[in-house]
Amino acid sequence: DLVATRKPGTQVIVLSSVLLTPHSAVELLFAS
């Protein structure tokens, strides 16, 4: 949404090591 609003015509590819869920985000944040 930000890129479409501020820089129309720019193609965006978002890559990541994992797709986070609310549960996995908290687990990753506070895991020892």
All heavy atoms as atom14 arrays in JSON, in Angstrom:
{
  "sequence": "DLVATRKPGTQVIVLSSVLLTPHSAVELLFAS",
  "atom14_mask": [
    [1, 1, 1, 1, 1, 1, 1, 1, 0, 0, 0, 0, 0, 0],
    [1, 1, 1, 1, 1, 1, 1, 1, 0, 0, 0, 0, 0, 0],
    [1, 1, 1, 1, 1, 1, 1, 0, 0, 0, 0, 0, 0, 0],
    [1, 1, 1, 1, 1, 0, 0, 0, 0, 0, 0, 0, 0, 0],
    [1, 1, 1, 1, 1, 1, 1, 0, 0, 0, 0, 0, 0, 0],
    [1, 1, 1, 1, 1, 1, 1, 1, 1, 1, 1, 0, 0, 0],
    [1, 1, 1, 1, 1, 1, 1, 1, 1, 0, 0, 0, 0, 0],
    [1, 1, 1, 1, 1, 1, 1, 0, 0, 0, 0, 0, 0, 0],
    [1, 1, 1, 1, 0, 0, 0, 0, 0, 0, 0, 0, 0, 0],
    [1, 1, 1, 1, 1, 1, 1, 0, 0, 0, 0, 0, 0, 0],
    [1, 1, 1, 1, 1, 1, 1, 1, 1, 0, 0, 0, 0, 0],
    [1, 1, 1, 1, 1, 1, 1, 0, 0, 0, 0, 0, 0, 0],
    [1, 1, 1, 1, 1, 1, 1, 1, 0, 0, 0, 0, 0, 0],
    [1, 1, 1, 1, 1, 1, 1, 0, 0, 0, 0, 0, 0, 0],
    [1, 1, 1, 1, 1, 1, 1, 1, 0, 0, 0, 0, 0, 0],
    [1, 1, 1, 1, 1, 1, 0, 0, 0, 0, 0, 0, 0, 0],
    [1, 1, 1, 1, 1, 1, 0, 0, 0, 0, 0, 0, 0, 0],
    [1, 1, 1, 1, 1, 1, 1, 0, 0, 0, 0, 0, 0, 0],
    [1, 1, 1, 1, 1, 1, 1, 1, 0, 0, 0, 0, 0, 0],
    [1, 1, 1, 1, 1, 1, 1, 1, 0, 0, 0, 0, 0, 0],
    [1, 1, 1, 1, 1, 1, 1, 0, 0, 0, 0, 0, 0, 0],
    [1, 1, 1, 1, 1, 1, 1, 0, 0, 0, 0, 0, 0, 0],
    [1, 1, 1, 1, 1, 1, 1, 1, 1, 1, 0, 0, 0, 0],
    [1, 1, 1, 1, 1, 1, 0, 0, 0, 0, 0, 0, 0, 0],
    [1, 1, 1, 1, 1, 0, 0, 0, 0, 0, 0, 0, 0, 0],
    [1, 1, 1, 1, 1, 1, 1, 0, 0, 0, 0, 0, 0, 0],
    [1, 1, 1, 1, 1, 1, 1, 1, 1, 0, 0, 0, 0, 0],
    [1, 1, 1, 1, 1, 1, 1, 1, 0, 0, 0, 0, 0, 0],
    [1, 1, 1, 1, 1, 1, 1, 1, 0, 0, 0, 0, 0, 0],
    [1, 1, 1, 1, 1, 1, 1, 1, 1, 1, 1, 0, 0, 0],
    [1, 1, 1, 1, 1, 0, 0, 0, 0, 0, 0, 0, 0, 0],
    [1, 1, 1, 1, 1, 1, 0, 0, 0, 0, 0, 0, 0, 0]
  ],
  "atom14_positions": [
    [[0.82, -1.21, 0.0], [0.0, 0.0, 0.0], [0.86, 1.26, 0.0], [0.55, 2.23, -0.7], [-0.95, 0.01, 1.19], [-2.02, -1.07, 1.12], [-2.2, -1.66, 0.02], [-2.65, -1.36, 2.16], [0.0, 0.0, 0.0], [0.0, 0.0, 0.0], [0.0, 0.0, 0.0], [0.0, 0.0, 0.0], [0.0, 0.0, 0.0], [0.0, 0.0, 0.0]],
    [[1.93, 1.27, 0.8], [2.8, 2.45, 0.86], [3.46, 2.72, -0.48], [3.5, 3.86, -0.95], [3.9, 2.23, 1.9], [3.65, 2.74, 3.3], [4.77, 2.29, 4.24], [3.53, 4.24, 3.33], [0.0, 0.0, 0.0], [0.0, 0.0, 0.0], [0.0, 0.0, 0.0], [0.0, 0.0, 0.0], [0.0, 0.0, 0.0], [0.0, 0.0, 0.0]],
    [[3.98, 1.68, -1.12], [4.66, 1.86, -2.4], [3.66, 2.28, -3.47], [3.95, 3.16, -4.28], [5.43, 0.59, -2.81], [5.97, 0.7, -4.21], [6.56, 0.32, -1.83], [0.0, 0.0, 0.0], [0.0, 0.0, 0.0], [0.0, 0.0, 0.0], [0.0, 0.0, 0.0], [0.0, 0.0, 0.0], [0.0, 0.0, 0.0], [0.0, 0.0, 0.0]],
    [[2.47, 1.7, -3.47], [1.44, 2.07, -4.45], [1.03, 3.53, -4.29], [0.76, 4.22, -5.28], [0.23, 1.16, -4.3], [0.0, 0.0, 0.0], [0.0, 0.0, 0.0], [0.0, 0.0, 0.0], [0.0, 0.0, 0.0], [0.0, 0.0, 0.0], [0.0, 0.0, 0.0], [0.0, 0.0, 0.0], [0.0, 0.0, 0.0], [0.0, 0.0, 0.0]],
    [[1.0, 4.03, -3.06], [0.61, 5.41, -2.79], [1.74, 6.4, -3.1], [1.53, 7.42, -3.75], [0.2, 5.58, -1.32], [-0.8, 4.63, -1.01], [-0.31, 6.98, -1.04], [0.0, 0.0, 0.0], [0.0, 0.0, 0.0], [0.0, 0.0, 0.0], [0.0, 0.0, 0.0], [0.0, 0.0, 0.0], [0.0, 0.0, 0.0], [0.0, 0.0, 0.0]],
    [[2.95, 6.09, -2.63], [4.06, 7.03, -2.72], [4.91, 6.92, -3.98], [5.57, 7.87, -4.35], [4.96, 6.9, -1.5], [4.24, 7.29, -0.23], [5.18, 7.19, 0.93], [4.54, 7.71, 2.11], [5.02, 8.72, 2.82], [6.13, 9.29, 2.48], [4.39, 9.13, 3.89], [0.0, 0.0, 0.0], [0.0, 0.0, 0.0], [0.0, 0.0, 0.0]],
    [[4.94, 5.74, -4.59], [5.78, 5.52, -5.76], [5.04, 4.62, -6.75], [5.44, 3.49, -6.99], [7.09, 4.89, -5.32], [8.19, 4.99, -6.31], [9.29, 5.85, -5.74], [10.56, 5.72, -6.51], [10.63, 6.56, -7.67], [0.0, 0.0, 0.0], [0.0, 0.0, 0.0], [0.0, 0.0, 0.0], [0.0, 0.0, 0.0], [0.0, 0.0, 0.0]],
    [[3.93, 5.1, -7.33], [3.15, 4.26, -8.25], [4.02, 3.82, -9.43], [4.89, 4.54, -9.88], [2.01, 5.17, -8.71], [2.15, 6.45, -8.0], [3.4, 6.43, -7.19], [0.0, 0.0, 0.0], [0.0, 0.0, 0.0], [0.0, 0.0, 0.0], [0.0, 0.0, 0.0], [0.0, 0.0, 0.0], [0.0, 0.0, 0.0], [0.0, 0.0, 0.0]],
    [[3.76, 2.62, -9.88], [4.53, 2.09, -11.01], [5.75, 1.29, -10.59], [6.39, 0.66, -11.41], [0.0, 0.0, 0.0], [0.0, 0.0, 0.0], [0.0, 0.0, 0.0], [0.0, 0.0, 0.0], [0.0, 0.0, 0.0], [0.0, 0.0, 0.0], [0.0, 0.0, 0.0], [0.0, 0.0, 0.0], [0.0, 0.0, 0.0], [0.0, 0.0, 0.0]],
    [[6.06, 1.31, -9.29], [7.19, 0.54, -8.79], [6.71, -0.85, -8.41], [5.71, -1.0, -7.71], [7.83, 1.22, -7.56], [8.27, 2.52, -7.94], [8.99, 0.42, -7.02], [0.0, 0.0, 0.0], [0.0, 0.0, 0.0], [0.0, 0.0, 0.0], [0.0, 0.0, 0.0], [0.0, 0.0, 0.0], [0.0, 0.0, 0.0], [0.0, 0.0, 0.0]],
    [[7.43, -1.86, -8.91], [7.1, -3.24, -8.56], [7.79, -3.58, -7.25], [8.96, -3.24, -7.05], [7.56, -4.18, -9.66], [7.2, -5.62, -9.41], [7.72, -6.54, -10.51], [8.38, -6.12, -11.44], [7.4, -7.81, -10.38], [0.0, 0.0, 0.0], [0.0, 0.0, 0.0], [0.0, 0.0, 0.0], [0.0, 0.0, 0.0], [0.0, 0.0, 0.0]],
    [[7.09, -4.25, -6.34], [7.64, -4.6, -5.04], [7.63, -6.12, -4.87], [6.62, -6.76, -5.14], [6.81, -3.99, -3.88], [7.41, -4.34, -2.54], [6.7, -2.51, -4.03], [0.0, 0.0, 0.0], [0.0, 0.0, 0.0], [0.0, 0.0, 0.0], [0.0, 0.0, 0.0], [0.0, 0.0, 0.0], [0.0, 0.0, 0.0], [0.0, 0.0, 0.0]],
    [[8.76, -6.63, -4.42], [8.85, -8.04, -4.07], [9.31, -8.1, -2.62], [10.36, -7.56, -2.28], [9.85, -8.79, -4.97], [9.39, -8.73, -6.43], [10.01, -10.24, -4.51], [10.39, -9.31, -7.41], [0.0, 0.0, 0.0], [0.0, 0.0, 0.0], [0.0, 0.0, 0.0], [0.0, 0.0, 0.0], [0.0, 0.0, 0.0], [0.0, 0.0, 0.0]],
    [[8.49, -8.7, -1.76], [8.83, -8.85, -0.35], [9.17, -10.32, -0.11], [8.34, -11.2, -0.33], [7.69, -8.39, 0.58], [8.07, -8.57, 2.04], [7.32, -6.95, 0.29], [0.0, 0.0, 0.0], [0.0, 0.0, 0.0], [0.0, 0.0, 0.0], [0.0, 0.0, 0.0], [0.0, 0.0, 0.0], [0.0, 0.0, 0.0], [0.0, 0.0, 0.0]],
    [[10.4, -10.55, 0.32], [10.87, -11.91, 0.62], [11.18, -11.99, 2.1], [11.46, -10.98, 2.74], [12.14, -12.21, -0.18], [12.04, -12.04, -1.7], [13.42, -12.03, -2.32], [11.2, -13.14, -2.27], [0.0, 0.0, 0.0], [0.0, 0.0, 0.0], [0.0, 0.0, 0.0], [0.0, 0.0, 0.0], [0.0, 0.0, 0.0], [0.0, 0.0, 0.0]],
    [[11.15, -13.2, 2.63], [11.43, -13.37, 4.04], [11.89, -14.79, 4.31], [11.62, -15.71, 3.53], [10.18, -13.06, 4.85], [10.43, -13.27, 6.22], [0.0, 0.0, 0.0], [0.0, 0.0, 0.0], [0.0, 0.0, 0.0], [0.0, 0.0, 0.0], [0.0, 0.0, 0.0], [0.0, 0.0, 0.0], [0.0, 0.0, 0.0], [0.0, 0.0, 0.0]],
    [[12.53, -14.94, 5.45], [12.96, -16.28, 5.86], [11.78, -17.11, 6.36], [11.85, -18.33, 6.35], [14.05, -16.18, 6.94], [13.62, -15.37, 8.01], [0.0, 0.0, 0.0], [0.0, 0.0, 0.0], [0.0, 0.0, 0.0], [0.0, 0.0, 0.0], [0.0, 0.0, 0.0], [0.0, 0.0, 0.0], [0.0, 0.0, 0.0], [0.0, 0.0, 0.0]],
    [[10.7, -16.47, 6.78], [9.51, -17.19, 7.25], [8.31, -16.23, 7.23], [8.47, -15.02, 7.37], [9.73, -17.77, 8.68], [9.84, -16.66, 9.7], [8.66, -18.74, 9.07], [0.0, 0.0, 0.0], [0.0, 0.0, 0.0], [0.0, 0.0, 0.0], [0.0, 0.0, 0.0], [0.0, 0.0, 0.0], [0.0, 0.0, 0.0], [0.0, 0.0, 0.0]],
    [[7.13, -16.78, 7.02], [5.9, -16.0, 7.11], [5.4, -16.13, 8.55], [5.11, -17.23, 9.02], [4.85, -16.53, 6.13], [3.57, -15.72, 6.05], [3.86, -14.29, 5.58], [2.58, -16.38, 5.1], [0.0, 0.0, 0.0], [0.0, 0.0, 0.0], [0.0, 0.0, 0.0], [0.0, 0.0, 0.0], [0.0, 0.0, 0.0], [0.0, 0.0, 0.0]],
    [[5.34, -15.0, 9.24], [5.0, -15.01, 10.66], [3.49, -15.01, 10.91], [2.74, -14.35, 10.2], [5.59, -13.77, 11.35], [7.11, -13.67, 11.39], [7.53, -12.33, 11.97], [7.69, -14.8, 12.21], [0.0, 0.0, 0.0], [0.0, 0.0, 0.0], [0.0, 0.0, 0.0], [0.0, 0.0, 0.0], [0.0, 0.0, 0.0], [0.0, 0.0, 0.0]],
    [[3.11, -15.74, 11.94], [1.74, -15.69, 12.47], [1.85, -14.98, 13.82], [2.95, -14.84, 14.36], [1.18, -17.11, 12.68], [1.98, -17.78, 13.65], [1.16, -17.89, 11.38], [0.0, 0.0, 0.0], [0.0, 0.0, 0.0], [0.0, 0.0, 0.0], [0.0, 0.0, 0.0], [0.0, 0.0, 0.0], [0.0, 0.0, 0.0], [0.0, 0.0, 0.0]],
    [[0.74, -14.52, 14.39], [0.84, -13.88, 15.71], [1.51, -14.78, 16.75], [2.34, -14.32, 17.54], [-0.62, -13.6, 16.08], [-1.31, -13.46, 14.77], [-0.62, -14.43, 13.84], [0.0, 0.0, 0.0], [0.0, 0.0, 0.0], [0.0, 0.0, 0.0], [0.0, 0.0, 0.0], [0.0, 0.0, 0.0], [0.0, 0.0, 0.0], [0.0, 0.0, 0.0]],
    [[1.2, -16.06, 16.73], [1.8, -16.99, 17.69], [3.3, -17.15, 17.45], [4.1, -17.08, 18.38], [1.11, -18.35, 17.62], [1.73, -19.39, 18.51], [1.59, -19.36, 19.88], [2.52, -20.45, 18.22], [2.27, -20.38, 20.4], [2.84, -21.05, 19.41], [0.0, 0.0, 0.0], [0.0, 0.0, 0.0], [0.0, 0.0, 0.0], [0.0, 0.0, 0.0]],
    [[3.71, -17.34, 16.19], [5.13, -17.56, 15.92], [5.96, -16.3, 16.17], [7.12, -16.39, 16.56], [5.34, -18.07, 14.49], [4.95, -17.09, 13.55], [0.0, 0.0, 0.0], [0.0, 0.0, 0.0], [0.0, 0.0, 0.0], [0.0, 0.0, 0.0], [0.0, 0.0, 0.0], [0.0, 0.0, 0.0], [0.0, 0.0, 0.0], [0.0, 0.0, 0.0]],
    [[5.37, -15.12, 15.96], [6.1, -13.88, 16.2], [6.45, -13.74, 17.68], [7.59, -13.41, 18.04], [5.29, -12.67, 15.74], [0.0, 0.0, 0.0], [0.0, 0.0, 0.0], [0.0, 0.0, 0.0], [0.0, 0.0, 0.0], [0.0, 0.0, 0.0], [0.0, 0.0, 0.0], [0.0, 0.0, 0.0], [0.0, 0.0, 0.0], [0.0, 0.0, 0.0]],
    [[5.48, -13.99, 18.55], [5.74, -13.91, 19.98], [6.71, -15.0, 20.41], [7.63, -14.75, 21.2], [4.4, -14.02, 20.77], [4.66, -14.14, 22.26], [3.51, -12.83, 20.47], [0.0, 0.0, 0.0], [0.0, 0.0, 0.0], [0.0, 0.0, 0.0], [0.0, 0.0, 0.0], [0.0, 0.0, 0.0], [0.0, 0.0, 0.0], [0.0, 0.0, 0.0]],
    [[6.55, -16.18, 19.86], [7.44, -17.29, 20.19], [8.88, -16.98, 19.78], [9.82, -17.19, 20.55], [6.95, -18.55, 19.48], [7.67, -19.8, 19.89], [7.06, -21.01, 19.2], [7.42, -21.26, 18.03], [6.22, -21.67, 19.83], [0.0, 0.0, 0.0], [0.0, 0.0, 0.0], [0.0, 0.0, 0.0], [0.0, 0.0, 0.0], [0.0, 0.0, 0.0]],
    [[9.08, -16.43, 18.59], [10.43, -16.08, 18.13], [11.03, -14.94, 18.94], [12.22, -14.92, 19.21], [10.41, -15.7, 16.65], [10.26, -16.84, 15.67], [10.02, -16.31, 14.27], [11.49, -17.73, 15.7], [0.0, 0.0, 0.0], [0.0, 0.0, 0.0], [0.0, 0.0, 0.0], [0.0, 0.0, 0.0], [0.0, 0.0, 0.0], [0.0, 0.0, 0.0]],
    [[10.2, -13.98, 19.31], [10.68, -12.83, 20.06], [11.18, -13.2, 21.44], [12.21, -12.71, 21.9], [9.56, -11.78, 20.18], [9.91, -10.47, 20.86], [10.99, -9.74, 20.1], [8.67, -9.61, 20.97], [0.0, 0.0, 0.0], [0.0, 0.0, 0.0], [0.0, 0.0, 0.0], [0.0, 0.0, 0.0], [0.0, 0.0, 0.0], [0.0, 0.0, 0.0]],
    [[10.48, -14.09, 22.12], [10.82, -14.4, 23.5], [11.43, -15.78, 23.7], [11.62, -16.2, 24.83], [9.59, -14.23, 24.39], [9.06, -12.82, 24.37], [7.79, -12.55, 23.91], [9.86, -11.77, 24.78], [7.3, -11.25, 23.87], [9.38, -10.46, 24.74], [8.11, -10.21, 24.29], [0.0, 0.0, 0.0], [0.0, 0.0, 0.0], [0.0, 0.0, 0.0]],
    [[11.77, -16.47, 22.63], [12.43, -17.76, 22.76], [13.86, -17.55, 23.26], [14.52, -16.58, 22.9], [12.45, -18.5, 21.43], [0.0, 0.0, 0.0], [0.0, 0.0, 0.0], [0.0, 0.0, 0.0], [0.0, 0.0, 0.0], [0.0, 0.0, 0.0], [0.0, 0.0, 0.0], [0.0, 0.0, 0.0], [0.0, 0.0, 0.0], [0.0, 0.0, 0.0]],
    [[14.33, -18.44, 24.1], [15.66, -18.27, 24.69], [16.77, -18.43, 23.66], [17.86, -17.89, 23.82], [15.87, -19.25, 25.84], [15.73, -20.57, 25.36], [0.0, 0.0, 0.0], [0.0, 0.0, 0.0], [0.0, 0.0, 0.0], [0.0, 0.0, 0.0], [0.0, 0.0, 0.0], [0.0, 0.0, 0.0], [0.0, 0.0, 0.0], [0.0, 0.0, 0.0]]
  ]
}
